[in-house]
Amino acid sequence: MKRPIYIIAEAGVNHNGSLEIAKKMIVAAAEAEVDAVKFQTFRAEAIACGYATKAVYQRKTTDSGESQLEMLEKLELDRNAHEDLQLFCTEYQLQFLSSPFDIDSITLLYDMGLRIFKIPSGEITNLPYLRKIGSLKCKVLLSTGMSELAEVEQAIKVLTINGTKKSDIVVLHCNTEYPTPMQDVNLRAMLTMAEQFEVEVGYSDHTSGIEMPIAAAALGATVIEKHFTLDRTMVGPDHEASLEPDELKEMVRAVRNIEKGLGNGEKRPRPSELRNREIVRKSIVAAKPIWQGELYGEDNLTAKRPALGLSPMRWDELIGHPANRDYQTDECIDPIEHL
């Protein structure tokens, strides 16, 4: 039986460095009935040089005068905060996840017991990082924003060469613009990667709405990740492209309905429709009074509801045969076996 779609509420850095906000986000995620809440683990000085500039979308939603390093320093969570949030997730029956952005952060999360690692799009060309993740032999969610197909293939190869089973890798289609323009989503690329690499695929969404995660569910995504925030108007790099709690609930509800609606692929009547079959299908009936011995023909037979008698698919069996008895108009015709 196919596993349920794994839905990740991406808190990311939308806690703005506040443990209190992070915990409120966990509560909101639990109310939305997601499977996991994911944060981001990093040491700012380990991932950005002092002269690194911010992305255009980050400059729009944060202090335009600060560097990327200065922005990241405000968003760091220390080990104690991570452990506190992990415990808090457990209390709300949610899986705690976090994306590591440097090798020390990988070690930190592994030491905390994490056995699912989300590789951010920006690390897909970071060979030492990929080797470290691969050597842990854990479940890997590989985000592929900004990537060429060959780069995705190379990253998968590094992970598997270093010990991760290919069956433990889920490749996530992604676009890293926040918010992503609809014309740049290219969701069919998810299917391309599923076919090309013979791996499970999913979707990490940065559009403003919920349409694309729903579409990804319909196309066969096994993992869906979506940024969320308590308030889209908060200052911070990712709030603008995130869902608010009520929208997250609606997305989860829609994905679960899509999941139910996809079914098992077997074409047969479902229990809810069986009672309608007799009502809307038809039987062969007398179009007018028919006398015993009279030959059945197009002039004295017709098909009408309900389906209480002989199926019209057996029409040709009757044509040209004599009636076995008298029939009144609209009376069901007996099967040929009774003639």
C-alpha atoms as a PDB file:
ATOM      1  CA  MET A   1       0.000   0.000   0.000  1.00  0.00           C
ATOM      2  CA  LYS A   2       1.305   3.446  -0.943  1.00  0.00           C
ATOM      3  CA  ARG A   3       2.572   5.535   1.963  1.00  0.00           C
ATOM      4  CA  PRO A   4       0.720   8.770   2.791  1.00  0.00           C
ATOM      5  CA  ILE A   5       2.243  11.953   1.437  1.00  0.00           C
ATOM      6  CA  TYR A   6       4.724  13.320   3.974  1.00  0.00           C
ATOM      7  CA  ILE A   7       3.860  16.977   4.581  1.00  0.00           C
ATOM      8  CA  ILE A   8       6.532  19.258   6.014  1.00  0.00           C
ATOM      9  CA  ALA A   9       5.686  22.681   7.404  1.00  0.00           C
ATOM     10  CA  GLU A  10       8.835  24.693   6.753  1.00  0.00           C
ATOM     11  CA  ALA A  11       9.337  27.093   9.645  1.00  0.00           C
ATOM     12  CA  GLY A  12      12.813  27.832   8.326  1.00  0.00           C
ATOM     13  CA  VAL A  13      13.998  31.093   9.841  1.00  0.00           C
ATOM     14  CA  ASN A  14      10.530  32.599  10.170  1.00  0.00           C
ATOM     15  CA  HIS A  15      10.976  32.465  13.940  1.00  0.00           C
ATOM     16  CA  ASN A  16      13.225  35.540  13.523  1.00  0.00           C
ATOM     17  CA  GLY A  17      15.614  34.117  16.104  1.00  0.00           C
ATOM     18  CA  SER A  18      12.911  33.907  18.783  1.00  0.00           C
ATOM     19  CA  LEU A  19      12.329  30.614  20.591  1.00  0.00           C
ATOM     20  CA  GLU A  20       8.901  31.836  21.642  1.00  0.00           C
ATOM     21  CA  ILE A  21       7.846  32.454  18.030  1.00  0.00           C
ATOM     22  CA  ALA A  22       9.305  29.096  16.992  1.00  0.00           C
ATOM     23  CA  LYS A  23       7.161  27.310  19.589  1.00  0.00           C
ATOM     24  CA  LYS A  24       4.041  29.161  18.481  1.00  0.00           C
ATOM     25  CA  MET A  25       4.806  27.977  14.956  1.00  0.00           C
ATOM     26  CA  ILE A  26       5.013  24.375  16.150  1.00  0.00           C
ATOM     27  CA  VAL A  27       1.574  24.709  17.746  1.00  0.00           C
ATOM     28  CA  ALA A  28       0.169  26.163  14.508  1.00  0.00           C
ATOM     29  CA  ALA A  29       1.731  23.334  12.492  1.00  0.00           C
ATOM     30  CA  ALA A  30       0.234  20.736  14.813  1.00  0.00           C
ATOM     31  CA  GLU A  31      -3.195  22.323  14.409  1.00  0.00           C
ATOM     32  CA  ALA A  32      -2.752  22.081  10.619  1.00  0.00           C
ATOM     33  CA  GLU A  33      -2.027  18.334  11.040  1.00  0.00           C
ATOM     34  CA  VAL A  34       1.257  18.253   9.143  1.00  0.00           C
ATOM     35  CA  ASP A  35       3.743  15.429   9.662  1.00  0.00           C
ATOM     36  CA  ALA A  36       6.826  17.462  10.485  1.00  0.00           C
ATOM     37  CA  VAL A  37       8.086  20.963  11.234  1.00  0.00           C
ATOM     38  CA  LYS A  38      11.421  21.886   9.713  1.00  0.00           C
ATOM     39  CA  PHE A  39      13.826  24.574  10.853  1.00  0.00           C
ATOM     40  CA  GLN A  40      17.278  25.593   9.578  1.00  0.00           C
ATOM     41  CA  THR A  41      20.538  24.836  11.379  1.00  0.00           C
ATOM     42  CA  PHE A  42      23.657  26.875  10.709  1.00  0.00           C
ATOM     43  CA  ARG A  43      26.463  28.961  12.063  1.00  0.00           C
ATOM     44  CA  ALA A  44      26.336  32.185  10.108  1.00  0.00           C
ATOM     45  CA  GLU A  45      30.114  32.573   9.945  1.00  0.00           C
ATOM     46  CA  ALA A  46      30.438  29.044   8.532  1.00  0.00           C
ATOM     47  CA  ILE A  47      28.171  29.616   5.552  1.00  0.00           C
ATOM     48  CA  ALA A  48      28.613  33.216   4.417  1.00  0.00           C
ATOM     49  CA  CYS A  49      31.571  35.528   3.892  1.00  0.00           C
ATOM     50  CA  GLY A  50      31.346  39.021   5.274  1.00  0.00           C
ATOM     51  CA  TYR A  51      31.094  40.456   1.764  1.00  0.00           C
ATOM     52  CA  ALA A  52      28.289  38.092   0.630  1.00  0.00           C
ATOM     53  CA  THR A  53      25.301  40.102  -0.566  1.00  0.00           C
ATOM     54  CA  LYS A  54      21.684  39.220   0.035  1.00  0.00           C
ATOM     55  CA  ALA A  55      19.279  37.947  -2.617  1.00  0.00           C
ATOM     56  CA  VAL A  56      16.939  40.518  -4.158  1.00  0.00           C
ATOM     57  CA  TYR A  57      13.939  39.127  -2.277  1.00  0.00           C
ATOM     58  CA  GLN A  58      15.911  39.268   0.995  1.00  0.00           C
ATOM     59  CA  ARG A  59      16.820  42.914   0.433  1.00  0.00           C
ATOM     60  CA  LYS A  60      13.141  43.711  -0.029  1.00  0.00           C
ATOM     61  CA  THR A  61      12.045  42.105   3.242  1.00  0.00           C
ATOM     62  CA  THR A  62      14.986  42.821   5.595  1.00  0.00           C
ATOM     63  CA  ASP A  63      17.307  45.706   6.486  1.00  0.00           C
ATOM     64  CA  SER A  64      18.747  46.693   3.128  1.00  0.00           C
ATOM     65  CA  GLY A  65      21.913  48.024   4.721  1.00  0.00           C
ATOM     66  CA  GLU A  66      23.059  44.783   6.335  1.00  0.00           C
ATOM     67  CA  SER A  67      25.113  42.010   4.762  1.00  0.00           C
ATOM     68  CA  GLN A  68      23.924  38.446   4.342  1.00  0.00           C
ATOM     69  CA  LEU A  69      26.172  37.440   7.250  1.00  0.00           C
ATOM     70  CA  GLU A  70      24.640  40.071   9.537  1.00  0.00           C
ATOM     71  CA  MET A  71      21.141  38.937   8.572  1.00  0.00           C
ATOM     72  CA  LEU A  72      21.974  35.285   9.252  1.00  0.00           C
ATOM     73  CA  GLU A  73      23.536  36.027  12.626  1.00  0.00           C
ATOM     74  CA  LYS A  74      20.171  37.314  13.843  1.00  0.00           C
ATOM     75  CA  LEU A  75      18.487  34.075  12.793  1.00  0.00           C
ATOM     76  CA  GLU A  76      20.781  31.476  14.373  1.00  0.00           C
ATOM     77  CA  LEU A  77      19.458  28.997  16.936  1.00  0.00           C
ATOM     78  CA  ASP A  78      21.948  27.391  19.335  1.00  0.00           C
ATOM     79  CA  ARG A  79      22.020  23.746  20.376  1.00  0.00           C
ATOM     80  CA  ASN A  80      19.889  24.337  23.469  1.00  0.00           C
ATOM     81  CA  ALA A  81      17.207  25.958  21.339  1.00  0.00           C
ATOM     82  CA  HIS A  82      17.297  23.026  18.909  1.00  0.00           C
ATOM     83  CA  GLU A  83      16.884  20.497  21.716  1.00  0.00           C
ATOM     84  CA  ASP A  84      14.075  22.536  23.255  1.00  0.00           C
ATOM     85  CA  LEU A  85      12.228  22.691  19.917  1.00  0.00           C
ATOM     86  CA  GLN A  86      12.773  18.996  19.281  1.00  0.00           C
ATOM     87  CA  LEU A  87      11.192  18.154  22.644  1.00  0.00           C
ATOM     88  CA  PHE A  88       8.357  20.590  21.998  1.00  0.00           C
ATOM     89  CA  CYS A  89       7.648  18.905  18.634  1.00  0.00           C
ATOM     90  CA  THR A  90       7.508  15.538  20.385  1.00  0.00           C
ATOM     91  CA  GLU A  91       4.906  16.881  22.807  1.00  0.00           C
ATOM     92  CA  TYR A  92       2.752  17.854  19.822  1.00  0.00           C
ATOM     93  CA  GLN A  93       3.377  14.538  18.029  1.00  0.00           C
ATOM     94  CA  LEU A  94       5.295  16.190  15.218  1.00  0.00           C
ATOM     95  CA  GLN A  95       8.607  15.153  13.744  1.00  0.00           C
ATOM     96  CA  PHE A  96      11.334  17.720  14.286  1.00  0.00           C
ATOM     97  CA  LEU A  97      13.458  18.312  11.195  1.00  0.00           C
ATOM     98  CA  SER A  98      16.067  20.870  10.290  1.00  0.00           C
ATOM     99  CA  SER A  99      18.148  21.625   7.207  1.00  0.00           C
ATOM    100  CA  PRO A 100      21.858  21.827   8.022  1.00  0.00           C
ATOM    101  CA  PHE A 101      23.848  24.419   6.076  1.00  0.00           C
ATOM    102  CA  ASP A 102      27.353  23.431   7.156  1.00  0.00           C
ATOM    103  CA  ILE A 103      29.168  20.258   8.164  1.00  0.00           C
ATOM    104  CA  ASP A 104      29.224  21.036  11.910  1.00  0.00           C
ATOM    105  CA  SER A 105      25.455  21.487  11.764  1.00  0.00           C
ATOM    106  CA  ILE A 106      25.103  18.066  10.117  1.00  0.00           C
ATOM    107  CA  THR A 107      26.971  16.555  13.069  1.00  0.00           C
ATOM    108  CA  LEU A 108      24.846  18.468  15.564  1.00  0.00           C
ATOM    109  CA  LEU A 109      21.594  17.203  14.088  1.00  0.00           C
ATOM    110  CA  TYR A 110      22.845  13.634  13.807  1.00  0.00           C
ATOM    111  CA  ASP A 111      23.936  13.716  17.444  1.00  0.00           C
ATOM    112  CA  MET A 112      20.422  14.901  18.329  1.00  0.00           C
ATOM    113  CA  GLY A 113      19.044  11.743  16.758  1.00  0.00           C
ATOM    114  CA  LEU A 114      17.845  13.067  13.397  1.00  0.00           C
ATOM    115  CA  ARG A 115      17.807  10.381  10.723  1.00  0.00           C
ATOM    116  CA  ILE A 116      16.146  12.403   7.967  1.00  0.00           C
ATOM    117  CA  PHE A 117      18.309  15.069   6.384  1.00  0.00           C
ATOM    118  CA  LYS A 118      16.985  17.779   4.101  1.00  0.00           C
ATOM    119  CA  ILE A 119      19.687  19.069   1.770  1.00  0.00           C
ATOM    120  CA  PRO A 120      18.948  22.696   0.831  1.00  0.00           C
ATOM    121  CA  SER A 121      19.156  23.680  -2.815  1.00  0.00           C
ATOM    122  CA  GLY A 122      22.262  25.763  -2.235  1.00  0.00           C
ATOM    123  CA  GLU A 123      24.245  22.746  -1.034  1.00  0.00           C
ATOM    124  CA  ILE A 124      23.614  20.494  -4.038  1.00  0.00           C
ATOM    125  CA  THR A 125      27.068  21.381  -5.446  1.00  0.00           C
ATOM    126  CA  ASN A 126      28.884  21.229  -2.078  1.00  0.00           C
ATOM    127  CA  LEU A 127      30.933  18.047  -2.423  1.00  0.00           C
ATOM    128  CA  PRO A 128      32.312  17.783   1.165  1.00  0.00           C
ATOM    129  CA  TYR A 129      28.826  18.450   2.512  1.00  0.00           C
ATOM    130  CA  LEU A 130      27.259  15.795   0.280  1.00  0.00           C
ATOM    131  CA  ARG A 131      29.909  13.256   1.257  1.00  0.00           C
ATOM    132  CA  LYS A 132      29.211  13.875   4.936  1.00  0.00           C
ATOM    133  CA  ILE A 133      25.438  13.453   4.504  1.00  0.00           C
ATOM    134  CA  GLY A 134      25.929  10.361   2.352  1.00  0.00           C
ATOM    135  CA  SER A 135      28.170   8.704   4.926  1.00  0.00           C
ATOM    136  CA  LEU A 136      25.433   8.888   7.577  1.00  0.00           C
ATOM    137  CA  LYS A 137      23.265   6.449   5.568  1.00  0.00           C
ATOM    138  CA  CYS A 138      20.058   8.236   6.538  1.00  0.00           C
ATOM    139  CA  LYS A 139      16.913   9.201   4.666  1.00  0.00           C
ATOM    140  CA  VAL A 140      17.711  12.179   2.412  1.00  0.00           C
ATOM    141  CA  LEU A 141      15.433  14.846   0.987  1.00  0.00           C
ATOM    142  CA  LEU A 142      17.418  16.459  -1.817  1.00  0.00           C
ATOM    143  CA  SER A 143      16.155  19.884  -2.848  1.00  0.00           C
ATOM    144  CA  THR A 144      17.044  20.790  -6.428  1.00  0.00           C
ATOM    145  CA  GLY A 145      16.326  24.505  -6.858  1.00  0.00           C
ATOM    146  CA  MET A 146      18.561  26.282  -9.411  1.00  0.00           C
ATOM    147  CA  SER A 147      19.921  22.912 -10.586  1.00  0.00           C
ATOM    148  CA  GLU A 148      20.620  21.422 -13.976  1.00  0.00           C
ATOM    149  CA  LEU A 149      19.567  17.792 -14.420  1.00  0.00           C
ATOM    150  CA  ALA A 150      23.234  16.741 -14.558  1.00  0.00           C
ATOM    151  CA  GLU A 151      23.898  18.415 -11.193  1.00  0.00           C
ATOM    152  CA  VAL A 152      21.063  16.476  -9.599  1.00  0.00           C
ATOM    153  CA  GLU A 153      22.456  13.266 -11.057  1.00  0.00           C
ATOM    154  CA  GLN A 154      25.917  14.052  -9.721  1.00  0.00           C
ATOM    155  CA  ALA A 155      24.595  14.813  -6.230  1.00  0.00           C
ATOM    156  CA  ILE A 156      22.690  11.522  -6.133  1.00  0.00           C
ATOM    157  CA  LYS A 157      25.844   9.727  -7.220  1.00  0.00           C
ATOM    158  CA  VAL A 158      27.904  11.336  -4.437  1.00  0.00           C
ATOM    159  CA  LEU A 159      25.305  10.383  -1.836  1.00  0.00           C
ATOM    160  CA  THR A 160      25.075   6.769  -2.969  1.00  0.00           C
ATOM    161  CA  ILE A 161      28.829   6.277  -3.410  1.00  0.00           C
ATOM    162  CA  ASN A 162      29.291   7.412   0.182  1.00  0.00           C
ATOM    163  CA  GLY A 163      26.761   4.998   1.642  1.00  0.00           C
ATOM    164  CA  THR A 164      23.195   6.287   1.240  1.00  0.00           C
ATOM    165  CA  LYS A 165      20.832   3.837  -0.450  1.00  0.00           C
ATOM    166  CA  LYS A 166      19.141   5.233  -3.524  1.00  0.00           C
ATOM    167  CA  SER A 167      15.825   4.007  -2.139  1.00  0.00           C
ATOM    168  CA  ASP A 168      16.363   6.378   0.815  1.00  0.00           C
ATOM    169  CA  ILE A 169      16.629   9.462  -1.407  1.00  0.00           C
ATOM    170  CA  VAL A 170      13.646  11.635  -2.261  1.00  0.00           C
ATOM    171  CA  VAL A 171      14.410  14.279  -4.873  1.00  0.00           C
ATOM    172  CA  LEU A 172      12.430  17.482  -4.337  1.00  0.00           C
ATOM    173  CA  HIS A 173      11.652  19.729  -7.265  1.00  0.00           C
ATOM    174  CA  CYS A 174      12.042  23.339  -6.180  1.00  0.00           C
ATOM    175  CA  ASN A 175      12.400  26.921  -7.359  1.00  0.00           C
ATOM    176  CA  THR A 176      14.361  29.174  -5.013  1.00  0.00           C
ATOM    177  CA  GLU A 177      12.814  32.527  -5.904  1.00  0.00           C
ATOM    178  CA  TYR A 178      10.621  33.825  -3.050  1.00  0.00           C
ATOM    179  CA  PRO A 179       7.834  33.965  -4.051  1.00  0.00           C
ATOM    180  CA  THR A 180       8.163  31.838  -7.182  1.00  0.00           C
ATOM    181  CA  PRO A 181       6.307  33.189 -10.261  1.00  0.00           C
ATOM    182  CA  MET A 182       3.812  30.606 -11.486  1.00  0.00           C
ATOM    183  CA  GLN A 183       5.377  30.570 -14.951  1.00  0.00           C
ATOM    184  CA  ASP A 184       8.673  29.467 -13.386  1.00  0.00           C
ATOM    185  CA  VAL A 185       7.371  26.566 -11.291  1.00  0.00           C
ATOM    186  CA  ASN A 186       7.825  23.968 -14.070  1.00  0.00           C
ATOM    187  CA  LEU A 187       6.229  21.236 -11.990  1.00  0.00           C
ATOM    188  CA  ARG A 188       6.590  18.650 -14.748  1.00  0.00           C
ATOM    189  CA  ALA A 189      10.328  18.664 -14.016  1.00  0.00           C
ATOM    190  CA  MET A 190       9.436  16.621 -10.943  1.00  0.00           C
ATOM    191  CA  LEU A 191       8.172  13.869 -13.235  1.00  0.00           C
ATOM    192  CA  THR A 192      11.264  14.170 -15.413  1.00  0.00           C
ATOM    193  CA  MET A 193      13.494  13.486 -12.419  1.00  0.00           C
ATOM    194  CA  ALA A 194      11.352  10.565 -11.272  1.00  0.00           C
ATOM    195  CA  GLU A 195      11.760   8.945 -14.684  1.00  0.00           C
ATOM    196  CA  GLN A 196      15.399   9.903 -15.196  1.00  0.00           C
ATOM    197  CA  PHE A 197      16.733   8.813 -11.810  1.00  0.00           C
ATOM    198  CA  GLU A 198      14.168   6.172 -10.765  1.00  0.00           C
ATOM    199  CA  VAL A 199      13.745   7.737  -7.331  1.00  0.00           C
ATOM    200  CA  GLU A 200      10.871   8.984  -5.236  1.00  0.00           C
ATOM    201  CA  VAL A 201      10.112  12.632  -5.902  1.00  0.00           C
ATOM    202  CA  GLY A 202       8.450  15.451  -4.033  1.00  0.00           C
ATOM    203  CA  TYR A 203       8.015  19.193  -4.165  1.00  0.00           C
ATOM    204  CA  SER A 204       9.318  22.076  -2.061  1.00  0.00           C
ATOM    205  CA  ASP A 205       7.106  25.050  -2.814  1.00  0.00           C
ATOM    206  CA  HIS A 206       7.852  28.761  -2.669  1.00  0.00           C
ATOM    207  CA  THR A 207       4.836  30.131  -4.549  1.00  0.00           C
ATOM    208  CA  SER A 208       2.422  32.442  -2.746  1.00  0.00           C
ATOM    209  CA  GLY A 209      -0.566  30.109  -2.837  1.00  0.00           C
ATOM    210  CA  ILE A 210      -1.483  26.470  -2.323  1.00  0.00           C
ATOM    211  CA  GLU A 211      -2.263  25.432  -5.903  1.00  0.00           C
ATOM    212  CA  MET A 212       1.156  23.996  -6.725  1.00  0.00           C
ATOM    213  CA  PRO A 213       1.469  21.699  -3.672  1.00  0.00           C
ATOM    214  CA  ILE A 214      -1.995  20.363  -4.513  1.00  0.00           C
ATOM    215  CA  ALA A 215      -0.958  19.807  -8.132  1.00  0.00           C
ATOM    216  CA  ALA A 216       2.228  18.084  -6.958  1.00  0.00           C
ATOM    217  CA  ALA A 217       0.142  15.716  -4.839  1.00  0.00           C
ATOM    218  CA  ALA A 218      -1.963  14.874  -7.884  1.00  0.00           C
ATOM    219  CA  LEU A 219       1.186  14.219  -9.942  1.00  0.00           C
ATOM    220  CA  GLY A 220       2.591  11.739  -7.447  1.00  0.00           C
ATOM    221  CA  ALA A 221       4.745  13.679  -4.989  1.00  0.00           C
ATOM    222  CA  THR A 222       5.554  11.603  -1.903  1.00  0.00           C
ATOM    223  CA  VAL A 223       6.864  14.597   0.060  1.00  0.00           C
ATOM    224  CA  ILE A 224       5.508  18.151   0.069  1.00  0.00           C
ATOM    225  CA  GLU A 225       7.229  21.011   1.857  1.00  0.00           C
ATOM    226  CA  LYS A 226       5.792  24.486   2.286  1.00  0.00           C
ATOM    227  CA  HIS A 227       7.031  27.565   4.125  1.00  0.00           C
ATOM    228  CA  PHE A 228       4.692  28.999   6.715  1.00  0.00           C
ATOM    229  CA  THR A 229       4.669  31.927   9.113  1.00  0.00           C
ATOM    230  CA  LEU A 230       2.527  33.263  11.909  1.00  0.00           C
ATOM    231  CA  ASP A 231       2.189  36.579  10.082  1.00  0.00           C
ATOM    232  CA  ARG A 232       3.221  37.338   6.495  1.00  0.00           C
ATOM    233  CA  THR A 233       3.804  41.012   7.349  1.00  0.00           C
ATOM    234  CA  MET A 234       6.606  40.240   9.815  1.00  0.00           C
ATOM    235  CA  VAL A 235      10.098  41.471   8.974  1.00  0.00           C
ATOM    236  CA  GLY A 236      12.327  38.653   7.729  1.00  0.00           C
ATOM    237  CA  PRO A 237      13.610  37.093   4.505  1.00  0.00           C
ATOM    238  CA  ASP A 238      10.978  34.372   3.969  1.00  0.00           C
ATOM    239  CA  HIS A 239       7.727  35.610   5.511  1.00  0.00           C
ATOM    240  CA  GLU A 240       6.329  37.130   2.317  1.00  0.00           C
ATOM    241  CA  ALA A 241       6.407  33.813   0.417  1.00  0.00           C
ATOM    242  CA  SER A 242       4.962  31.796   3.316  1.00  0.00           C
ATOM    243  CA  LEU A 243       1.496  30.598   4.214  1.00  0.00           C
ATOM    244  CA  GLU A 244      -0.260  31.820   7.323  1.00  0.00           C
ATOM    245  CA  PRO A 245      -1.702  29.168   9.695  1.00  0.00           C
ATOM    246  CA  ASP A 246      -5.217  29.052   8.212  1.00  0.00           C
ATOM    247  CA  GLU A 247      -3.777  28.712   4.719  1.00  0.00           C
ATOM    248  CA  LEU A 248      -1.499  25.902   5.877  1.00  0.00           C
ATOM    249  CA  LYS A 249      -4.545  24.076   7.251  1.00  0.00           C
ATOM    250  CA  GLU A 250      -6.323  24.507   3.926  1.00  0.00           C
ATOM    251  CA  MET A 251      -3.311  23.193   2.008  1.00  0.00           C
ATOM    252  CA  VAL A 252      -3.072  20.089   4.189  1.00  0.00           C
ATOM    253  CA  ARG A 253      -6.809  19.458   3.871  1.00  0.00           C
ATOM    254  CA  ALA A 254      -6.626  19.773   0.081  1.00  0.00           C
ATOM    255  CA  VAL A 255      -3.564  17.518  -0.227  1.00  0.00           C
ATOM    256  CA  ARG A 256      -5.192  14.833   1.919  1.00  0.00           C
ATOM    257  CA  ASN A 257      -8.355  15.009  -0.195  1.00  0.00           C
ATOM    258  CA  ILE A 258      -6.305  14.680  -3.383  1.00  0.00           C
ATOM    259  CA  GLU A 259      -4.524  11.731  -1.817  1.00  0.00           C
ATOM    260  CA  LYS A 260      -7.837  10.030  -1.030  1.00  0.00           C
ATOM    261  CA  GLY A 261      -9.192  10.831  -4.467  1.00  0.00           C
ATOM    262  CA  LEU A 262      -6.244   9.307  -6.313  1.00  0.00           C
ATOM    263  CA  GLY A 263      -7.158   5.866  -4.945  1.00  0.00           C
ATOM    264  CA  ASN A 264      -5.375   2.652  -5.899  1.00  0.00           C
ATOM    265  CA  GLY A 265      -5.798   2.876  -9.671  1.00  0.00           C
ATOM    266  CA  GLU A 266      -8.056  -0.171  -9.933  1.00  0.00           C
ATOM    267  CA  LYS A 267     -11.067   0.587 -12.137  1.00  0.00           C
ATOM    268  CA  ARG A 268     -14.147  -0.850 -10.508  1.00  0.00           C
ATOM    269  CA  PRO A 269     -17.324   0.550  -8.921  1.00  0.00           C
ATOM    270  CA  ARG A 270     -16.720   2.170  -5.548  1.00  0.00           C
ATOM    271  CA  PRO A 271     -19.073   1.386  -2.632  1.00  0.00           C
ATOM    272  CA  SER A 272     -20.585   4.882  -2.675  1.00  0.00           C
ATOM    273  CA  GLU A 273     -21.793   4.519  -6.288  1.00  0.00           C
ATOM    274  CA  LEU A 274     -23.015   0.937  -6.363  1.00  0.00           C
ATOM    275  CA  ARG A 275     -26.465   1.950  -5.150  1.00  0.00           C
ATOM    276  CA  ASN A 276     -26.806   4.213  -8.197  1.00  0.00           C
ATOM    277  CA  ARG A 277     -26.207   1.496 -10.760  1.00  0.00           C
ATOM    278  CA  GLU A 278     -29.754   0.127 -10.882  1.00  0.00           C
ATOM    279  CA  ILE A 279     -31.175   3.645 -10.938  1.00  0.00           C
ATOM    280  CA  VAL A 280     -29.219   5.142 -13.847  1.00  0.00           C
ATOM    281  CA  ARG A 281     -28.508   2.110 -16.023  1.00  0.00           C
ATOM    282  CA  LYS A 282     -31.162   0.609 -18.283  1.00  0.00           C
ATOM    283  CA  SER A 283     -32.904  -2.669 -19.080  1.00  0.00           C
ATOM    284  CA  ILE A 284     -34.386  -3.988 -22.313  1.00  0.00           C
ATOM    285  CA  VAL A 285     -38.137  -3.461 -22.082  1.00  0.00           C
ATOM    286  CA  ALA A 286     -41.142  -3.699 -24.378  1.00  0.00           C
ATOM    287  CA  ALA A 287     -41.617  -0.509 -26.387  1.00  0.00           C
ATOM    288  CA  LYS A 288     -45.272  -1.514 -26.861  1.00  0.00           C
ATOM    289  CA  PRO A 289     -47.359  -4.622 -26.123  1.00  0.00           C
ATOM    290  CA  ILE A 290     -45.689  -7.780 -27.471  1.00  0.00           C
ATOM    291  CA  TRP A 291     -47.576 -11.083 -27.957  1.00  0.00           C
ATOM    292  CA  GLN A 292     -46.112 -14.521 -27.385  1.00  0.00           C
ATOM    293  CA  GLY A 293     -44.393 -15.770 -30.573  1.00  0.00           C
ATOM    294  CA  GLU A 294     -43.986 -12.243 -32.004  1.00  0.00           C
ATOM    295  CA  LEU A 295     -40.427 -11.618 -33.211  1.00  0.00           C
ATOM    296  CA  TYR A 296     -38.322  -9.148 -31.257  1.00  0.00           C
ATOM    297  CA  GLY A 297     -37.185  -6.173 -33.342  1.00  0.00           C
ATOM    298  CA  GLU A 298     -36.178  -2.542 -33.289  1.00  0.00           C
ATOM    299  CA  ASP A 299     -39.854  -1.550 -33.398  1.00  0.00           C
ATOM    300  CA  ASN A 300     -41.022  -3.349 -30.258  1.00  0.00           C
ATOM    301  CA  LEU A 301     -37.956  -3.171 -27.986  1.00  0.00           C
ATOM    302  CA  THR A 302     -36.300  -0.220 -26.233  1.00  0.00           C
ATOM    303  CA  ALA A 303     -33.929   0.446 -23.338  1.00  0.00           C
ATOM    304  CA  LYS A 304     -35.181   2.307 -20.260  1.00  0.00           C
ATOM    305  CA  ARG A 305     -34.329   2.817 -16.620  1.00  0.00           C
ATOM    306  CA  PRO A 306     -34.098   1.142 -14.121  1.00  0.00           C
ATOM    307  CA  ALA A 307     -31.604  -1.700 -14.594  1.00  0.00           C
ATOM    308  CA  LEU A 308     -33.836  -4.436 -13.154  1.00  0.00           C
ATOM    309  CA  GLY A 309     -33.772  -6.737 -16.164  1.00  0.00           C
ATOM    310  CA  LEU A 310     -31.702  -7.718 -19.166  1.00  0.00           C
ATOM    311  CA  SER A 311     -28.775  -5.410 -19.990  1.00  0.00           C
ATOM    312  CA  PRO A 312     -29.022  -3.547 -23.321  1.00  0.00           C
ATOM    313  CA  MET A 313     -25.585  -4.989 -24.086  1.00  0.00           C
ATOM    314  CA  ARG A 314     -27.472  -8.232 -24.840  1.00  0.00           C
ATOM    315  CA  TRP A 315     -29.739  -6.497 -27.373  1.00  0.00           C
ATOM    316  CA  ASP A 316     -28.432  -8.487 -30.356  1.00  0.00           C
ATOM    317  CA  GLU A 317     -29.262 -11.790 -28.638  1.00  0.00           C
ATOM    318  CA  LEU A 318     -32.963 -10.908 -28.750  1.00  0.00           C
ATOM    319  CA  ILE A 319     -33.396  -9.388 -32.196  1.00  0.00           C
ATOM    320  CA  GLY A 320     -35.131 -11.876 -34.485  1.00  0.00           C
ATOM    321  CA  HIS A 321     -36.123 -14.310 -31.704  1.00  0.00           C
ATOM    322  CA  PRO A 322     -39.797 -14.992 -30.845  1.00  0.00           C
ATOM    323  CA  ALA A 323     -41.196 -13.657 -27.559  1.00  0.00           C
ATOM    324  CA  ASN A 324     -41.559 -16.433 -25.004  1.00  0.00           C
ATOM    325  CA  ARG A 325     -44.696 -14.817 -23.540  1.00  0.00           C
ATOM    326  CA  ASP A 326     -46.910 -11.735 -23.698  1.00  0.00           C
ATOM    327  CA  TYR A 327     -45.383  -8.407 -22.537  1.00  0.00           C
ATOM    328  CA  GLN A 328     -46.975  -5.115 -21.594  1.00  0.00           C
ATOM    329  CA  THR A 329     -45.365  -1.769 -22.457  1.00  0.00           C
ATOM    330  CA  ASP A 330     -42.255  -1.087 -20.280  1.00  0.00           C
ATOM    331  CA  GLU A 331     -42.161  -4.662 -18.962  1.00  0.00           C
ATOM    332  CA  CYS A 332     -38.646  -6.122 -18.693  1.00  0.00           C
ATOM    333  CA  ILE A 333     -37.850  -8.728 -21.364  1.00  0.00           C
ATOM    334  CA  ASP A 334     -36.716 -12.139 -20.114  1.00  0.00           C
ATOM    335  CA  PRO A 335     -33.179 -13.333 -20.906  1.00  0.00           C
ATOM    336  CA  ILE A 336     -32.740 -15.429 -24.044  1.00  0.00           C
ATOM    337  CA  GLU A 337     -32.050 -18.485 -21.881  1.00  0.00           C
ATOM    338  CA  HIS A 338     -35.764 -18.509 -20.959  1.00  0.00           C
ATOM    339  CA  LEU A 339     -37.019 -18.568 -24.543  1.00  0.00           C
END
